[in-house]
Amino acid sequence: MLHRKTDFPKSMTYFQIGWMSFAVNLSDIASMGCLPVGYLFSIGIPSSINIKQLKSIANGMELCSNIYSTPIIGGDTDIHNELTISGTIIG
């Protein structure tokens, strides 16, 4: 689970946040010697995030997904007081 205040440096773009949210889960499955099959994520979205920023997060996830041939297979969204992303890679 990643939080805006503690896990993403202030200088990080929303695209980079999306990429990192995906990549840290790839790293976890690789450390177990497994190959990734699919990615699930949940995102808590604060009211301060606009649609352009949210699309940028999605674009970062999508590019990482494409490069590492690991499809996004599901997820959930909710309103939250801080940007929070929780991901799981199935492998």
C-alpha atoms as a PDB file:
ATOM      1  CA  MET A   1       0.000   0.000   0.000  1.00  0.00           C
ATOM      2  CA  LEU A   2       1.458   3.338  -1.056  1.00  0.00           C
ATOM      3  CA  HIS A   3       0.500   6.763   0.306  1.00  0.00           C
ATOM      4  CA  ARG A   4       1.107  10.187  -1.182  1.00  0.00           C
ATOM      5  CA  LYS A   5       2.604  11.663   1.994  1.00  0.00           C
ATOM      6  CA  THR A   6       5.032   8.850   2.845  1.00  0.00           C
ATOM      7  CA  ASP A   7       5.817   6.912  -0.345  1.00  0.00           C
ATOM      8  CA  PHE A   8       5.802   9.366  -3.251  1.00  0.00           C
ATOM      9  CA  PRO A   9       8.317  12.239  -3.177  1.00  0.00           C
ATOM     10  CA  LYS A  10       6.724  15.651  -3.733  1.00  0.00           C
ATOM     11  CA  SER A  11       8.707  16.039  -6.969  1.00  0.00           C
ATOM     12  CA  MET A  12       7.230  12.820  -8.410  1.00  0.00           C
ATOM     13  CA  THR A  13       4.726  13.322 -11.240  1.00  0.00           C
ATOM     14  CA  TYR A  14       1.370  11.570 -11.295  1.00  0.00           C
ATOM     15  CA  PHE A  15       2.603   9.494 -14.259  1.00  0.00           C
ATOM     16  CA  GLN A  16       5.574   8.380 -12.149  1.00  0.00           C
ATOM     17  CA  ILE A  17       3.237   7.578  -9.257  1.00  0.00           C
ATOM     18  CA  GLY A  18       1.260   5.253 -11.544  1.00  0.00           C
ATOM     19  CA  TRP A  19       4.436   3.627 -12.854  1.00  0.00           C
ATOM     20  CA  MET A  20       5.871   3.144  -9.362  1.00  0.00           C
ATOM     21  CA  SER A  21       2.616   1.709  -8.035  1.00  0.00           C
ATOM     22  CA  PHE A  22       2.807  -1.008 -10.664  1.00  0.00           C
ATOM     23  CA  ALA A  23       6.584  -1.518 -10.600  1.00  0.00           C
ATOM     24  CA  VAL A  24       6.903  -2.114  -6.848  1.00  0.00           C
ATOM     25  CA  ASN A  25       4.497  -5.013  -7.203  1.00  0.00           C
ATOM     26  CA  LEU A  26       6.459  -6.429 -10.151  1.00  0.00           C
ATOM     27  CA  SER A  27       9.540  -6.275  -7.956  1.00  0.00           C
ATOM     28  CA  ASP A  28       7.768  -8.214  -5.208  1.00  0.00           C
ATOM     29  CA  ILE A  29       6.706 -11.068  -7.511  1.00  0.00           C
ATOM     30  CA  ALA A  30      10.142 -11.190  -9.167  1.00  0.00           C
ATOM     31  CA  SER A  31      11.808 -11.499  -5.760  1.00  0.00           C
ATOM     32  CA  MET A  32       9.797 -14.693  -5.262  1.00  0.00           C
ATOM     33  CA  GLY A  33      11.067 -16.122  -8.564  1.00  0.00           C
ATOM     34  CA  CYS A  34       7.635 -15.917 -10.201  1.00  0.00           C
ATOM     35  CA  LEU A  35       6.425 -14.544 -13.506  1.00  0.00           C
ATOM     36  CA  PRO A  36       3.587 -11.983 -13.409  1.00  0.00           C
ATOM     37  CA  VAL A  37       0.184 -12.893 -14.849  1.00  0.00           C
ATOM     38  CA  GLY A  38      -1.982  -9.896 -13.910  1.00  0.00           C
ATOM     39  CA  TYR A  39      -2.232  -6.781 -11.750  1.00  0.00           C
ATOM     40  CA  LEU A  40      -5.070  -5.754  -9.439  1.00  0.00           C
ATOM     41  CA  PHE A  41      -5.147  -2.393  -7.710  1.00  0.00           C
ATOM     42  CA  SER A  42      -7.305  -0.235  -5.513  1.00  0.00           C
ATOM     43  CA  ILE A  43      -6.955   3.527  -5.424  1.00  0.00           C
ATOM     44  CA  GLY A  44      -8.210   5.969  -2.814  1.00  0.00           C
ATOM     45  CA  ILE A  45      -8.715   9.303  -4.562  1.00  0.00           C
ATOM     46  CA  PRO A  46      -8.776  12.598  -2.660  1.00  0.00           C
ATOM     47  CA  SER A  47     -10.965  15.464  -3.876  1.00  0.00           C
ATOM     48  CA  SER A  48      -7.812  17.461  -4.684  1.00  0.00           C
ATOM     49  CA  ILE A  49      -6.979  15.108  -7.608  1.00  0.00           C
ATOM     50  CA  ASN A  50      -8.392  16.220 -10.945  1.00  0.00           C
ATOM     51  CA  ILE A  51      -9.262  14.000 -13.923  1.00  0.00           C
ATOM     52  CA  LYS A  52      -6.055  14.932 -15.798  1.00  0.00           C
ATOM     53  CA  GLN A  53      -3.928  13.835 -12.836  1.00  0.00           C
ATOM     54  CA  LEU A  54      -5.930  10.624 -12.450  1.00  0.00           C
ATOM     55  CA  LYS A  55      -5.471   9.835 -16.159  1.00  0.00           C
ATOM     56  CA  SER A  56      -1.753  10.446 -15.755  1.00  0.00           C
ATOM     57  CA  ILE A  57      -1.616   7.849 -12.945  1.00  0.00           C
ATOM     58  CA  ALA A  58      -3.481   5.406 -15.208  1.00  0.00           C
ATOM     59  CA  ASN A  59      -1.097   6.148 -18.095  1.00  0.00           C
ATOM     60  CA  GLY A  60       1.909   5.369 -15.888  1.00  0.00           C
ATOM     61  CA  MET A  61       0.366   2.061 -14.844  1.00  0.00           C
ATOM     62  CA  GLU A  62      -0.581   1.254 -18.430  1.00  0.00           C
ATOM     63  CA  LEU A  63       2.913   1.846 -19.815  1.00  0.00           C
ATOM     64  CA  CYS A  64       4.492  -0.322 -17.104  1.00  0.00           C
ATOM     65  CA  SER A  65       1.833  -2.961 -17.804  1.00  0.00           C
ATOM     66  CA  ASN A  66       2.627  -2.946 -21.518  1.00  0.00           C
ATOM     67  CA  ILE A  67       6.414  -3.011 -21.149  1.00  0.00           C
ATOM     68  CA  TYR A  68       6.314  -5.961 -18.741  1.00  0.00           C
ATOM     69  CA  SER A  69       3.440  -7.791 -20.495  1.00  0.00           C
ATOM     70  CA  THR A  70       1.352  -7.875 -17.336  1.00  0.00           C
ATOM     71  CA  PRO A  71      -2.270  -6.876 -17.902  1.00  0.00           C
ATOM     72  CA  ILE A  72      -4.324  -4.866 -15.455  1.00  0.00           C
ATOM     73  CA  ILE A  73      -7.093  -7.332 -14.647  1.00  0.00           C
ATOM     74  CA  GLY A  74      -9.159  -5.423 -12.113  1.00  0.00           C
ATOM     75  CA  GLY A  75      -9.363  -2.996  -9.303  1.00  0.00           C
ATOM     76  CA  ASP A  76     -11.465  -0.674  -7.256  1.00  0.00           C
ATOM     77  CA  THR A  77     -11.752   3.047  -6.603  1.00  0.00           C
ATOM     78  CA  ASP A  78     -12.946   5.012  -3.621  1.00  0.00           C
ATOM     79  CA  ILE A  79     -12.809   8.504  -2.183  1.00  0.00           C
ATOM     80  CA  HIS A  80     -10.070   8.949   0.408  1.00  0.00           C
ATOM     81  CA  ASN A  81      -8.448  11.862   2.245  1.00  0.00           C
ATOM     82  CA  GLU A  82      -4.989  10.984   0.833  1.00  0.00           C
ATOM     83  CA  LEU A  83      -3.934   9.458  -2.476  1.00  0.00           C
ATOM     84  CA  THR A  84      -3.512   5.772  -1.622  1.00  0.00           C
ATOM     85  CA  ILE A  85      -2.763   2.948  -4.042  1.00  0.00           C
ATOM     86  CA  SER A  86      -2.713  -0.710  -3.099  1.00  0.00           C
ATOM     87  CA  GLY A  87      -1.664  -3.255  -5.706  1.00  0.00           C
ATOM     88  CA  THR A  88      -1.324  -7.003  -6.074  1.00  0.00           C
ATOM     89  CA  ILE A  89       0.431  -8.927  -8.824  1.00  0.00           C
ATOM     90  CA  ILE A  90      -0.795 -12.457  -9.486  1.00  0.00           C
ATOM     91  CA  GLY A  91       1.914 -14.802 -10.698  1.00  0.00           C
END
